[in-house]
Each structure stands twice: as structure tokens, then as C-alpha cells.
Amino acid sequence: MVCWNGEAVVFAELKRHKKDRIRPTQPRWLEAALRVGLEPKNFLLVEWDLASE
């Protein structure tokens, strides 16, 4: 997911708890983005789950 407000941008990756994982290409994509000037604050990893109450 890409979110922005003016010049501020955040790339959010959503992963379902125990059902999803980081793919091998994703760390390489992050490293490339950091090399071209993006910062760690521009990235968010969200783990979610459907919990019954």
C-alpha cells in the first residue's frame, strides 16, 4: 500500500499473522529504495490477524 500527503510518502506492507511472510524480493526492494534516498521512516510493516472475541 502506498500512502502520501503532499511530499510525505509511506510504503506499507501488510502481512497476515502466521499466514504470510516477507518474500525474498522485498528486502532487496527496500535496500534499493534506501540507496536512492528514501528513509526507514518511509516504510511500515503491518502484521494483522482476524481474532474472534
PDB file of N, CA and C in Angstrom:
ATOM      1  N   MET A   1       0.849  -1.137   0.000  1.00  0.00           N
ATOM      2  CA  MET A   1       0.000   0.000   0.000  1.00  0.00           C
ATOM      3  C   MET A   1       0.915   1.226   0.000  1.00  0.00           C
ATOM      4  N   VAL A   2       0.571   2.213  -0.806  1.00  0.00           N
ATOM      5  CA  VAL A   2       1.322   3.472  -0.843  1.00  0.00           C
ATOM      6  C   VAL A   2       0.412   4.572  -0.340  1.00  0.00           C
ATOM      7  N   CYS A   3       0.883   5.321   0.642  1.00  0.00           N
ATOM      8  CA  CYS A   3       0.113   6.437   1.207  1.00  0.00           C
ATOM      9  C   CYS A   3       0.958   7.695   1.112  1.00  0.00           C
ATOM     10  N   TRP A   4       0.321   8.815   0.805  1.00  0.00           N
ATOM     11  CA  TRP A   4       1.073  10.057   0.752  1.00  0.00           C
ATOM     12  C   TRP A   4       0.198  11.226   1.152  1.00  0.00           C
ATOM     13  N   ASN A   5       0.878  12.271   1.577  1.00  0.00           N
ATOM     14  CA  ASN A   5       0.241  13.530   1.939  1.00  0.00           C
ATOM     15  C   ASN A   5       1.242  14.611   1.551  1.00  0.00           C
ATOM     16  N   GLY A   6       0.967  15.279   0.461  1.00  0.00           N
ATOM     17  CA  GLY A   6       1.936  16.242  -0.055  1.00  0.00           C
ATOM     18  C   GLY A   6       3.174  15.497  -0.509  1.00  0.00           C
ATOM     19  N   GLU A   7       4.319  15.841   0.075  1.00  0.00           N
ATOM     20  CA  GLU A   7       5.565  15.171  -0.291  1.00  0.00           C
ATOM     21  C   GLU A   7       5.913  14.006   0.627  1.00  0.00           C
ATOM     22  N   ALA A   8       5.131  13.818   1.695  1.00  0.00           N
ATOM     23  CA  ALA A   8       5.379  12.702   2.611  1.00  0.00           C
ATOM     24  C   ALA A   8       4.786  11.429   2.016  1.00  0.00           C
ATOM     25  N   VAL A   9       5.583  10.366   2.016  1.00  0.00           N
ATOM     26  CA  VAL A   9       5.127   9.093   1.457  1.00  0.00           C
ATOM     27  C   VAL A   9       5.490   7.950   2.405  1.00  0.00           C
ATOM     28  N   VAL A  10       4.583   6.976   2.509  1.00  0.00           N
ATOM     29  CA  VAL A  10       4.827   5.770   3.306  1.00  0.00           C
ATOM     30  C   VAL A  10       4.424   4.562   2.473  1.00  0.00           C
ATOM     31  N   PHE A  11       5.311   3.590   2.421  1.00  0.00           N
ATOM     32  CA  PHE A  11       5.033   2.313   1.784  1.00  0.00           C
ATOM     33  C   PHE A  11       4.719   1.335   2.912  1.00  0.00           C
ATOM     34  N   ALA A  12       3.517   0.778   2.921  1.00  0.00           N
ATOM     35  CA  ALA A  12       3.112  -0.150   3.972  1.00  0.00           C
ATOM     36  C   ALA A  12       2.929  -1.547   3.381  1.00  0.00           C
ATOM     37  N   GLU A  13       3.541  -2.508   4.022  1.00  0.00           N
ATOM     38  CA  GLU A  13       3.387  -3.905   3.618  1.00  0.00           C
ATOM     39  C   GLU A  13       2.572  -4.598   4.698  1.00  0.00           C
ATOM     40  N   LEU A  14       1.468  -5.226   4.305  1.00  0.00           N
ATOM     41  CA  LEU A  14       0.582  -5.900   5.245  1.00  0.00           C
ATOM     42  C   LEU A  14       0.782  -7.403   5.149  1.00  0.00           C
ATOM     43  N   LYS A  15       0.974  -8.021   6.296  1.00  0.00           N
ATOM     44  CA  LYS A  15       1.199  -9.463   6.361  1.00  0.00           C
ATOM     45  C   LYS A  15       0.246 -10.067   7.387  1.00  0.00           C
ATOM     46  N   ARG A  16      -0.453 -11.122   6.988  1.00  0.00           N
ATOM     47  CA  ARG A  16      -1.351 -11.806   7.912  1.00  0.00           C
ATOM     48  C   ARG A  16      -0.538 -12.718   8.836  1.00  0.00           C
ATOM     49  N   HIS A  17      -0.791 -12.596  10.120  1.00  0.00           N
ATOM     50  CA  HIS A  17      -0.081 -13.361  11.152  1.00  0.00           C
ATOM     51  C   HIS A  17      -0.161 -14.853  10.872  1.00  0.00           C
ATOM     52  N   LYS A  18       0.983 -15.510  10.810  1.00  0.00           N
ATOM     53  CA  LYS A  18       1.138 -16.949  10.595  1.00  0.00           C
ATOM     54  C   LYS A  18       0.612 -17.437   9.246  1.00  0.00           C
ATOM     55  N   LYS A  19       0.223 -16.533   8.350  1.00  0.00           N
ATOM     56  CA  LYS A  19      -0.284 -16.948   7.043  1.00  0.00           C
ATOM     57  C   LYS A  19       0.535 -16.334   5.904  1.00  0.00           C
ATOM     58  N   ASP A  20       1.346 -15.361   6.207  1.00  0.00           N
ATOM     59  CA  ASP A  20       2.068 -14.611   5.189  1.00  0.00           C
ATOM     60  C   ASP A  20       3.489 -14.380   5.674  1.00  0.00           C
ATOM     61  N   ARG A  21       4.383 -14.068   4.756  1.00  0.00           N
ATOM     62  CA  ARG A  21       5.773 -13.799   5.140  1.00  0.00           C
ATOM     63  C   ARG A  21       6.402 -12.848   4.122  1.00  0.00           C
ATOM     64  N   ILE A  22       7.547 -12.321   4.494  1.00  0.00           N
ATOM     65  CA  ILE A  22       8.298 -11.445   3.600  1.00  0.00           C
ATOM     66  C   ILE A  22       8.844 -12.302   2.456  1.00  0.00           C
ATOM     67  N   ARG A  23       8.605 -11.873   1.238  1.00  0.00           N
ATOM     68  CA  ARG A  23       9.141 -12.586   0.078  1.00  0.00           C
ATOM     69  C   ARG A  23      10.603 -12.192  -0.127  1.00  0.00           C
ATOM     70  N   PRO A  24      11.401 -13.059  -0.740  1.00  0.00           N
ATOM     71  CA  PRO A  24      12.834 -12.777  -0.913  1.00  0.00           C
ATOM     72  C   PRO A  24      13.117 -11.472  -1.669  1.00  0.00           C
ATOM     73  N   THR A  25      12.237 -11.062  -2.544  1.00  0.00           N
ATOM     74  CA  THR A  25      12.470  -9.832  -3.305  1.00  0.00           C
ATOM     75  C   THR A  25      12.217  -8.565  -2.484  1.00  0.00           C
ATOM     76  N   GLN A  26      11.459  -8.672  -1.418  1.00  0.00           N
ATOM     77  CA  GLN A  26      11.094  -7.472  -0.664  1.00  0.00           C
ATOM     78  C   GLN A  26      12.264  -6.819   0.064  1.00  0.00           C
ATOM     79  N   PRO A  27      13.152  -7.540   0.728  1.00  0.00           N
ATOM     80  CA  PRO A  27      14.318  -6.874   1.324  1.00  0.00           C
ATOM     81  C   PRO A  27      15.203  -6.206   0.267  1.00  0.00           C
ATOM     82  N   ARG A  28      15.319  -6.810  -0.898  1.00  0.00           N
ATOM     83  CA  ARG A  28      16.120  -6.200  -1.973  1.00  0.00           C
ATOM     84  C   ARG A  28      15.470  -4.900  -2.444  1.00  0.00           C
ATOM     85  N   TRP A  29      14.146  -4.893  -2.539  1.00  0.00           N
ATOM     86  CA  TRP A  29      13.424  -3.674  -2.936  1.00  0.00           C
ATOM     87  C   TRP A  29      13.648  -2.573  -1.899  1.00  0.00           C
ATOM     88  N   LEU A  30      13.567  -2.930  -0.618  1.00  0.00           N
ATOM     89  CA  LEU A  30      13.802  -1.963   0.458  1.00  0.00           C
ATOM     90  C   LEU A  30      15.220  -1.408   0.389  1.00  0.00           C
ATOM     91  N   GLU A  31      16.208  -2.267   0.223  1.00  0.00           N
ATOM     92  CA  GLU A  31      17.600  -1.811   0.131  1.00  0.00           C
ATOM     93  C   GLU A  31      17.788  -0.852  -1.037  1.00  0.00           C
ATOM     94  N   ALA A  32      17.187  -1.152  -2.187  1.00  0.00           N
ATOM     95  CA  ALA A  32      17.299  -0.273  -3.353  1.00  0.00           C
ATOM     96  C   ALA A  32      16.639   1.071  -3.072  1.00  0.00           C
ATOM     97  N   ALA A  33      15.501   1.057  -2.427  1.00  0.00           N
ATOM     98  CA  ALA A  33      14.800   2.309  -2.112  1.00  0.00           C
ATOM     99  C   ALA A  33      15.627   3.175  -1.159  1.00  0.00           C
ATOM    100  N   LEU A  34      16.268   2.552  -0.177  1.00  0.00           N
ATOM    101  CA  LEU A  34      17.117   3.301   0.758  1.00  0.00           C
ATOM    102  C   LEU A  34      18.343   3.875   0.051  1.00  0.00           C
ATOM    103  N   ARG A  35      18.885   3.155  -0.921  1.00  0.00           N
ATOM    104  CA  ARG A  35      20.052   3.654  -1.666  1.00  0.00           C
ATOM    105  C   ARG A  35      19.721   4.893  -2.495  1.00  0.00           C
ATOM    106  N   VAL A  36      18.482   5.021  -2.948  1.00  0.00           N
ATOM    107  CA  VAL A  36      18.132   6.181  -3.786  1.00  0.00           C
ATOM    108  C   VAL A  36      17.555   7.340  -2.971  1.00  0.00           C
ATOM    109  N   GLY A  37      17.613   7.247  -1.631  1.00  0.00           N
ATOM    110  CA  GLY A  37      17.270   8.408  -0.828  1.00  0.00           C
ATOM    111  C   GLY A  37      16.054   8.297   0.068  1.00  0.00           C
ATOM    112  N   LEU A  38      15.280   7.225  -0.046  1.00  0.00           N
ATOM    113  CA  LEU A  38      14.185   7.066   0.911  1.00  0.00           C
ATOM    114  C   LEU A  38      14.776   6.703   2.262  1.00  0.00           C
ATOM    115  N   GLU A  39      14.003   6.904   3.327  1.00  0.00           N
ATOM    116  CA  GLU A  39      14.478   6.655   4.681  1.00  0.00           C
ATOM    117  C   GLU A  39      13.638   5.573   5.339  1.00  0.00           C
ATOM    118  N   PRO A  40      14.161   4.949   6.398  1.00  0.00           N
ATOM    119  CA  PRO A  40      13.371   3.920   7.088  1.00  0.00           C
ATOM    120  C   PRO A  40      11.988   4.407   7.519  1.00  0.00           C
ATOM    121  N   LYS A  41      11.856   5.689   7.843  1.00  0.00           N
ATOM    122  CA  LYS A  41      10.547   6.216   8.265  1.00  0.00           C
ATOM    123  C   LYS A  41       9.521   6.175   7.132  1.00  0.00           C
ATOM    124  N   ASN A  42       9.960   5.929   5.905  1.00  0.00           N
ATOM    125  CA  ASN A  42       9.048   5.840   4.769  1.00  0.00           C
ATOM    126  C   ASN A  42       8.434   4.451   4.605  1.00  0.00           C
ATOM    127  N   PHE A  43       8.759   3.524   5.504  1.00  0.00           N
ATOM    128  CA  PHE A  43       8.311   2.140   5.355  1.00  0.00           C
ATOM    129  C   PHE A  43       7.642   1.652   6.625  1.00  0.00           C
ATOM    130  N   LEU A  44       6.617   0.850   6.432  1.00  0.00           N
ATOM    131  CA  LEU A  44       5.849   0.328   7.557  1.00  0.00           C
ATOM    132  C   LEU A  44       5.495  -1.124   7.264  1.00  0.00           C
ATOM    133  N   LEU A  45       5.717  -1.987   8.232  1.00  0.00           N
ATOM    134  CA  LEU A  45       5.322  -3.383   8.129  1.00  0.00           C
ATOM    135  C   LEU A  45       4.202  -3.609   9.134  1.00  0.00           C
ATOM    136  N   VAL A  46       3.055  -4.082   8.637  1.00  0.00           N
ATOM    137  CA  VAL A  46       1.872  -4.276   9.477  1.00  0.00           C
ATOM    138  C   VAL A  46       1.525  -5.756   9.493  1.00  0.00           C
ATOM    139  N   GLU A  47       1.483  -6.337  10.682  1.00  0.00           N
ATOM    140  CA  GLU A  47       1.048  -7.722  10.817  1.00  0.00           C
ATOM    141  C   GLU A  47      -0.362  -7.706  11.393  1.00  0.00           C
ATOM    142  N   TRP A  48      -1.263  -8.432  10.758  1.00  0.00           N
ATOM    143  CA  TRP A  48      -2.651  -8.425  11.184  1.00  0.00           C
ATOM    144  C   TRP A  48      -3.159  -9.855  11.324  1.00  0.00           C
ATOM    145  N   ASP A  49      -4.304  -9.980  11.995  1.00  0.00           N
ATOM    146  CA  ASP A  49      -4.942 -11.272  12.170  1.00  0.00           C
ATOM    147  C   ASP A  49      -6.430 -11.037  12.433  1.00  0.00           C
ATOM    148  N   LEU A  50      -7.222 -12.008  12.108  1.00  0.00           N
ATOM    149  CA  LEU A  50      -8.645 -11.984  12.428  1.00  0.00           C
ATOM    150  C   LEU A  50      -8.830 -12.782  13.705  1.00  0.00           C
ATOM    151  N   ALA A  51      -9.072 -12.100  14.793  1.00  0.00           N
ATOM    152  CA  ALA A  51      -9.227 -12.772  16.080  1.00  0.00           C
ATOM    153  C   ALA A  51     -10.704 -12.792  16.460  1.00  0.00           C
ATOM    154  N   SER A  52     -11.170 -13.926  16.913  1.00  0.00           N
ATOM    155  CA  SER A  52     -12.554 -13.995  17.384  1.00  0.00           C
ATOM    156  C   SER A  52     -12.599 -13.524  18.831  1.00  0.00           C
ATOM    157  N   GLU A  53     -13.675 -12.861  19.169  1.00  0.00           N
ATOM    158  CA  GLU A  53     -13.808 -12.332  20.535  1.00  0.00           C
ATOM    159  C   GLU A  53     -14.717 -13.195  21.366  1.00  0.00           C
TER     160      GLU A  53
END
